[in-house]
Amino acid sequence: MDLDVFVAAHQAEWHRLEALSGRRRLTGEESDELITLYQRATSHLAQVQAAAPHAGIEGRLTTLVARGRNAVTGARRSTWRDAARYFTTSFPAILYRTRRWWLTVALVSLALSAILAWWIGTHADVRDTLVPPDELKELTKPGGEYEAYYSDHPSANFAAQVWLNNAWIAALCVASAALLGLPVIIMLFTNVVNLAVGIGLMASAGRFWLFLGLLVPHGLLELTAIFVAGGLSLRLGWTVVDPGPRTRAVALAEEGRAIVGSAVGLTVVLLISGIIEGFVSGSALPTWARVGIGVVAEVLFLVYALFLGKRAADQGEIGDVEAADRTAHQPVAA
């Protein structure tokens, strides 16, 4: 094949395909022409690759074929409607459908934290193995490290730092579903221990209520987001074991898209928690006001997940992408 002759012979067709694929609206005749030119360009690309490979021509034709395919099939474009649908339908639906998993994770985690905190707070020998007595005094004294943690840094910087850290932890929890959710158990237990140590040490110094007053404003929502991430990961891991009436491939695809996509929603939840931690937890507001803000944020999230989510689930929403964007699959018997 003489590549120069080939290009000269089809150059006009390629220019025409490029022009048609860039238009938003086409007449009936132009649509037919577009399809014909797209099919020819696909054939031209195959001929060049087989008879006269050339990186430049192949690259141009590959791009042209991709644009033509998008124009012919109608490329899907994300819009603000997609974002609105995600936060009003998809995200609350997956929260509701997996509620038994993350609520169970929350109850077990909080129960273990309470037991460990009581053990640490009432056993001096346990505390001594964790922190030397002198360091314990520095940690728990008025203005000590536990208390100063929430006020030593500029609010905006602190909120951003907390958000990035917690969002990363939540993302890791969700991603661990690829390993049947087993790594998330370690992450959740680490979270349980850290929470119990803080409560137990402050309680031993008679500063339990002060610590709760600093923890509750942001901690309720922050811990809930971590529990949700852990529950979602375990739910997806269990799908590998028990896909239900669907084939394993279909179940993993549908649940995987919904659960991995929930990382976006959890990031927003943790952003709100980070803002509360940065601007409210260590602020000069009275304790009742700080705790009240945290309780309101938590109640709003639970209403969002359990009531708005139930409504979406009752309408058949599973938290996956829209039906038009899913890969078709064969039905299976229940």
Protein backbone atom coordinates (compact mmCIF):
# COMPACT_ATOMS: atom_id res chain seq x y z
CA MET A 1 0.00 0.00 0.00
CA ASP A 2 1.22 3.48 -0.92
CA LEU A 3 0.34 5.35 2.26
CA ASP A 4 0.56 8.82 0.67
CA VAL A 5 -1.84 7.83 -2.10
CA PHE A 6 -4.18 6.17 0.44
CA VAL A 7 -4.28 9.28 2.63
CA ALA A 8 -4.84 11.59 -0.37
CA ALA A 9 -7.69 9.38 -1.60
CA HIS A 10 -9.58 9.39 1.72
CA GLN A 11 -8.59 12.74 3.22
CA ALA A 12 -11.85 14.42 2.22
CA GLU A 13 -13.93 11.64 3.81
CA TRP A 14 -12.04 11.98 7.07
CA HIS A 15 -12.52 15.73 7.15
CA ARG A 16 -16.21 15.27 6.51
CA LEU A 17 -16.51 12.66 9.29
CA GLU A 18 -14.70 14.99 11.67
CA ALA A 19 -17.09 17.82 10.80
CA LEU A 20 -20.24 15.72 11.18
CA SER A 21 -19.15 14.09 14.45
CA GLY A 22 -18.63 17.52 15.97
CA ARG A 23 -22.15 18.76 15.28
CA ARG A 24 -24.82 18.63 17.98
CA ARG A 25 -27.73 18.17 15.58
CA LEU A 26 -27.87 16.41 12.22
CA THR A 27 -30.51 16.02 9.56
CA GLY A 28 -31.63 12.56 8.55
CA GLU A 29 -29.38 12.58 5.50
CA GLU A 30 -26.40 13.78 7.54
CA SER A 31 -26.99 11.02 10.10
CA ASP A 32 -26.93 8.39 7.35
CA GLU A 33 -23.77 9.95 5.95
CA LEU A 34 -22.17 9.98 9.38
CA ILE A 35 -22.80 6.25 9.85
CA THR A 36 -21.40 5.44 6.40
CA LEU A 37 -18.27 7.56 6.94
CA TYR A 38 -17.74 6.06 10.40
CA GLN A 39 -17.87 2.53 8.97
CA ARG A 40 -15.42 3.50 6.23
CA ALA A 41 -13.01 5.11 8.69
CA THR A 42 -13.08 1.95 10.77
CA SER A 43 -12.20 -0.06 7.68
CA HIS A 44 -9.44 2.43 6.76
CA LEU A 45 -7.90 2.08 10.22
CA ALA A 46 -7.85 -1.71 9.90
CA GLN A 47 -6.22 -1.46 6.46
CA VAL A 48 -3.48 0.86 7.68
CA GLN A 49 -2.75 -1.32 10.73
CA ALA A 50 -2.53 -4.45 8.55
CA ALA A 51 -0.75 -3.21 5.43
CA ALA A 52 1.21 -0.06 6.27
CA PRO A 53 1.49 0.66 10.02
CA HIS A 54 2.15 4.31 10.70
CA ALA A 55 1.86 5.82 14.18
CA GLY A 56 0.69 9.22 13.00
CA ILE A 57 -2.00 7.99 10.63
CA GLU A 58 -3.14 5.29 13.08
CA GLY A 59 -3.41 7.84 15.87
CA ARG A 60 -5.45 10.22 13.73
CA LEU A 61 -7.79 7.48 12.54
CA THR A 62 -8.18 6.04 16.02
CA THR A 63 -9.25 9.43 17.36
CA LEU A 64 -11.55 9.96 14.39
CA VAL A 65 -13.16 6.55 14.80
CA ALA A 66 -13.69 7.17 18.53
CA ARG A 67 -15.35 10.52 17.85
CA GLY A 68 -17.46 8.95 15.14
CA ARG A 69 -18.53 6.12 17.44
CA ASN A 70 -19.56 8.60 20.14
CA ALA A 71 -21.54 10.61 17.61
CA VAL A 72 -23.25 7.51 16.21
CA THR A 73 -24.09 5.87 19.53
CA GLY A 74 -24.76 9.07 21.45
CA ALA A 75 -22.03 9.48 24.06
CA ARG A 76 -23.28 9.74 27.61
CA ARG A 77 -22.44 13.10 29.20
CA SER A 78 -22.46 13.70 32.91
CA THR A 79 -24.62 16.63 33.99
CA TRP A 80 -25.75 18.33 37.15
CA ARG A 81 -28.81 16.08 36.91
CA ASP A 82 -26.52 13.08 37.48
CA ALA A 83 -25.06 14.69 40.60
CA ALA A 84 -28.53 15.54 41.90
CA ARG A 85 -29.72 11.99 41.22
CA TYR A 86 -26.71 10.56 43.03
CA PHE A 87 -27.26 12.52 46.24
CA THR A 88 -31.06 12.30 46.28
CA THR A 89 -31.50 8.72 45.08
CA SER A 90 -28.46 6.52 44.52
CA PHE A 91 -26.43 7.28 47.66
CA PRO A 92 -29.33 7.18 50.14
CA ALA A 93 -30.61 3.99 48.47
CA ILE A 94 -27.32 2.12 48.98
CA LEU A 95 -27.16 3.42 52.57
CA TYR A 96 -30.64 2.05 53.25
CA ARG A 97 -30.09 -1.27 51.48
CA THR A 98 -26.90 -1.94 53.46
CA ARG A 99 -28.19 -0.52 56.77
CA ARG A 100 -28.04 -3.85 58.57
CA TRP A 101 -24.35 -4.12 57.79
CA TRP A 102 -23.20 -0.68 58.87
CA LEU A 103 -25.57 -0.43 61.84
CA THR A 104 -24.23 -3.79 63.05
CA VAL A 105 -20.67 -2.57 62.56
CA ALA A 106 -21.55 0.57 64.55
CA LEU A 107 -23.14 -1.33 67.45
CA VAL A 108 -20.30 -3.86 67.70
CA SER A 109 -17.62 -1.17 67.43
CA LEU A 110 -19.19 1.08 70.05
CA ALA A 111 -19.77 -1.83 72.42
CA LEU A 112 -16.13 -2.94 72.11
CA SER A 113 -14.94 0.64 72.58
CA ALA A 114 -17.01 0.99 75.74
CA ILE A 115 -15.67 -2.27 77.19
CA LEU A 116 -12.05 -1.42 76.37
CA ALA A 117 -12.45 2.16 77.65
CA TRP A 118 -13.85 0.86 80.96
CA TRP A 119 -10.98 -1.64 81.23
CA ILE A 120 -8.36 1.03 80.57
CA GLY A 121 -10.01 3.61 82.82
CA THR A 122 -10.35 1.27 85.83
CA HIS A 123 -7.04 -0.62 85.64
CA ALA A 124 -3.93 1.39 86.42
CA ASP A 125 -1.62 -1.41 85.31
CA VAL A 126 -3.21 -1.37 81.86
CA ARG A 127 -2.79 2.40 81.62
CA ASP A 128 0.85 2.12 82.67
CA THR A 129 1.56 -0.29 79.82
CA LEU A 130 0.00 2.17 77.38
CA VAL A 131 1.41 5.47 78.68
CA PRO A 132 3.93 6.19 81.46
CA PRO A 133 2.30 8.04 84.41
CA ASP A 134 4.20 11.28 83.72
CA GLU A 135 3.11 11.33 80.09
CA LEU A 136 -0.43 10.48 81.11
CA LYS A 137 -0.59 13.61 83.25
CA GLU A 138 0.59 15.71 80.32
CA LEU A 139 -1.97 14.16 78.02
CA THR A 140 -4.97 14.53 80.31
CA LYS A 141 -4.28 17.72 82.27
CA PRO A 142 -6.32 20.90 81.54
CA GLY A 143 -4.94 22.27 78.29
CA GLY A 144 -3.06 19.01 77.72
CA GLU A 145 -2.54 17.30 74.39
CA TYR A 146 -5.99 15.70 74.21
CA GLU A 147 -7.72 19.01 74.83
CA ALA A 148 -5.31 21.19 72.85
CA TYR A 149 -5.58 18.92 69.81
CA TYR A 150 -8.81 20.64 68.77
CA SER A 151 -7.62 24.23 69.20
CA ASP A 152 -3.87 24.37 68.49
CA HIS A 153 -4.22 24.67 64.71
CA PRO A 154 -5.99 27.21 62.47
CA SER A 155 -9.57 26.01 62.01
CA ALA A 156 -9.53 25.87 58.20
CA ASN A 157 -6.21 23.99 58.03
CA PHE A 158 -7.28 21.61 60.76
CA ALA A 159 -10.60 20.89 59.09
CA ALA A 160 -8.87 20.17 55.76
CA GLN A 161 -6.30 17.91 57.41
CA VAL A 162 -8.93 15.94 59.31
CA TRP A 163 -11.11 15.60 56.21
CA LEU A 164 -8.29 14.29 54.02
CA ASN A 165 -7.21 11.79 56.65
CA ASN A 166 -10.70 10.45 57.31
CA ALA A 167 -11.66 10.39 53.63
CA TRP A 168 -8.53 8.33 52.94
CA ILE A 169 -9.47 5.87 55.69
CA ALA A 170 -13.03 5.57 54.34
CA ALA A 171 -11.73 5.02 50.81
CA LEU A 172 -9.39 2.29 52.05
CA CYS A 173 -12.29 0.62 53.85
CA VAL A 174 -14.37 0.57 50.68
CA ALA A 175 -11.44 -0.54 48.51
CA SER A 176 -10.68 -3.45 50.84
CA ALA A 177 -13.86 -5.07 49.55
CA ALA A 178 -11.67 -6.43 46.75
CA LEU A 179 -10.15 -8.73 49.41
CA LEU A 180 -13.57 -9.89 50.70
CA GLY A 181 -13.60 -6.96 53.12
CA LEU A 182 -11.17 -8.72 55.47
CA PRO A 183 -8.66 -5.82 55.81
CA VAL A 184 -11.49 -3.55 56.94
CA ILE A 185 -11.86 -5.62 60.10
CA ILE A 186 -8.32 -4.63 61.10
CA MET A 187 -9.04 -0.97 60.28
CA LEU A 188 -12.24 -0.99 62.30
CA PHE A 189 -10.56 -2.64 65.27
CA THR A 190 -7.76 -0.07 65.16
CA ASN A 191 -10.41 2.64 65.23
CA VAL A 192 -12.10 0.94 68.20
CA VAL A 193 -8.84 0.78 70.15
CA ASN A 194 -7.92 4.42 69.45
CA LEU A 195 -11.34 5.60 70.59
CA ALA A 196 -11.24 3.43 73.72
CA VAL A 197 -7.74 4.60 74.69
CA GLY A 198 -8.73 8.27 74.49
CA ILE A 199 -11.91 7.80 76.50
CA GLY A 200 -10.30 5.47 79.04
CA LEU A 201 -7.30 7.72 79.73
CA MET A 202 -9.39 10.89 80.07
CA ALA A 203 -11.92 9.06 82.27
CA SER A 204 -9.12 7.92 84.59
CA ALA A 205 -8.17 11.57 85.06
CA GLY A 206 -11.76 12.57 85.88
CA ARG A 207 -12.18 14.39 82.57
CA PHE A 208 -14.57 11.98 80.85
CA TRP A 209 -17.36 14.51 80.23
CA LEU A 210 -14.97 17.15 78.99
CA PHE A 211 -13.55 14.68 76.48
CA LEU A 212 -17.02 13.69 75.29
CA GLY A 213 -17.85 17.37 74.89
CA LEU A 214 -14.90 17.65 72.50
CA LEU A 215 -15.49 14.34 70.74
CA VAL A 216 -19.25 14.21 70.22
CA PRO A 217 -19.72 17.35 68.04
CA HIS A 218 -17.79 15.88 65.11
CA GLY A 219 -17.31 12.31 66.31
CA LEU A 220 -20.88 11.12 65.84
CA LEU A 221 -20.91 11.88 62.13
CA GLU A 222 -17.27 10.97 61.59
CA LEU A 223 -17.58 7.57 63.24
CA THR A 224 -20.84 6.89 61.43
CA ALA A 225 -19.13 7.51 58.08
CA ILE A 226 -16.33 5.11 59.03
CA PHE A 227 -18.87 2.50 60.15
CA VAL A 228 -20.76 2.91 56.87
CA ALA A 229 -17.55 2.47 54.87
CA GLY A 230 -16.73 -0.66 56.86
CA GLY A 231 -20.23 -2.08 56.49
CA LEU A 232 -20.27 -1.44 52.74
CA SER A 233 -16.93 -3.16 52.35
CA LEU A 234 -18.08 -6.21 54.26
CA ARG A 235 -21.33 -6.27 52.27
CA LEU A 236 -19.48 -6.31 48.96
CA GLY A 237 -17.08 -8.94 50.25
CA TRP A 238 -20.05 -11.12 51.23
CA THR A 239 -21.48 -10.73 47.71
CA VAL A 240 -18.53 -12.81 46.48
CA VAL A 241 -19.63 -15.59 48.82
CA ASP A 242 -23.39 -15.24 48.33
CA PRO A 243 -24.45 -13.38 45.16
CA GLY A 244 -28.11 -14.24 45.70
CA PRO A 245 -30.39 -14.94 42.70
CA ARG A 246 -28.06 -13.08 40.31
CA THR A 247 -24.97 -14.55 38.72
CA ARG A 248 -21.83 -13.74 40.68
CA ALA A 249 -20.51 -11.53 37.87
CA VAL A 250 -23.73 -9.50 37.64
CA ALA A 251 -24.06 -9.22 41.44
CA LEU A 252 -20.48 -8.01 41.83
CA ALA A 253 -20.87 -5.53 38.98
CA GLU A 254 -24.08 -4.02 40.34
CA GLU A 255 -23.09 -4.01 44.00
CA GLY A 256 -19.54 -2.98 43.20
CA ARG A 257 -20.58 0.08 41.23
CA ALA A 258 -23.02 1.13 43.94
CA ILE A 259 -20.68 0.56 46.88
CA VAL A 260 -17.49 1.93 45.33
CA GLY A 261 -19.51 4.90 44.09
CA SER A 262 -20.60 5.55 47.68
CA ALA A 263 -17.06 6.76 48.41
CA VAL A 264 -18.09 10.08 46.84
CA GLY A 265 -21.00 10.49 49.24
CA LEU A 266 -18.91 9.46 52.23
CA THR A 267 -16.30 12.02 51.26
CA VAL A 268 -18.97 14.73 51.47
CA VAL A 269 -20.18 13.40 54.84
CA LEU A 270 -16.63 13.46 56.16
CA LEU A 271 -16.15 16.98 54.80
CA ILE A 272 -19.08 18.11 56.93
CA SER A 273 -17.61 16.27 59.91
CA GLY A 274 -14.21 17.88 59.28
CA ILE A 275 -15.77 21.35 59.17
CA ILE A 276 -17.50 20.69 62.49
CA GLU A 277 -14.27 19.40 64.02
CA GLY A 278 -12.28 22.36 62.75
CA PHE A 279 -14.72 25.13 63.60
CA VAL A 280 -16.98 23.77 66.36
CA SER A 281 -15.35 21.04 68.48
CA GLY A 282 -12.57 23.25 69.89
CA SER A 283 -14.48 26.52 69.73
CA ALA A 284 -15.53 28.76 72.61
CA LEU A 285 -19.16 27.73 72.24
CA PRO A 286 -20.73 26.23 75.36
CA THR A 287 -20.60 22.46 75.53
CA TRP A 288 -24.36 22.08 75.07
CA ALA A 289 -24.21 24.07 71.84
CA ARG A 290 -21.26 22.09 70.44
CA VAL A 291 -22.83 18.76 71.34
CA GLY A 292 -26.19 19.93 69.97
CA ILE A 293 -24.63 20.72 66.59
CA GLY A 294 -23.10 17.25 66.47
CA VAL A 295 -26.37 15.55 67.43
CA VAL A 296 -28.33 17.52 64.81
CA ALA A 297 -25.80 16.58 62.11
CA GLU A 298 -26.05 12.91 63.07
CA VAL A 299 -29.86 12.92 63.15
CA LEU A 300 -29.99 14.57 59.72
CA PHE A 301 -27.70 11.90 58.31
CA LEU A 302 -29.80 9.08 59.77
CA VAL A 303 -32.99 10.63 58.39
CA TYR A 304 -31.28 10.98 55.02
CA ALA A 305 -30.07 7.36 55.03
CA LEU A 306 -33.06 5.60 56.54
CA PHE A 307 -36.06 7.64 55.38
CA LEU A 308 -34.98 9.16 52.08
CA GLY A 309 -33.10 5.94 51.37
CA LYS A 310 -36.19 3.82 52.09
CA ARG A 311 -38.25 5.89 49.68
CA ALA A 312 -35.64 5.44 46.95
CA ALA A 313 -35.34 1.70 47.65
CA ASP A 314 -39.14 1.29 47.58
CA GLN A 315 -39.06 2.76 44.07
CA GLY A 316 -36.68 0.00 42.97
CA GLU A 317 -33.47 2.00 43.25
CA ILE A 318 -30.44 -0.11 44.23
CA GLY A 319 -27.81 2.62 44.23
CA ASP A 320 -26.34 1.54 40.88
CA VAL A 321 -26.00 3.75 37.81
CA GLU A 322 -29.12 4.39 35.76
CA ALA A 323 -30.53 1.41 33.89
CA ALA A 324 -29.60 2.92 30.52
CA ASP A 325 -25.93 2.92 31.53
CA ARG A 326 -25.79 -0.66 32.75
CA THR A 327 -24.59 -3.59 30.71
CA ALA A 328 -27.48 -5.83 29.68
CA HIS A 329 -27.44 -9.33 31.12
CA GLN A 330 -29.54 -12.40 30.89
CA PRO A 331 -32.21 -12.91 33.56
CA VAL A 332 -31.73 -15.77 35.98
CA ALA A 333 -34.22 -17.81 37.94
CA ALA A 334 -34.77 -16.82 41.55
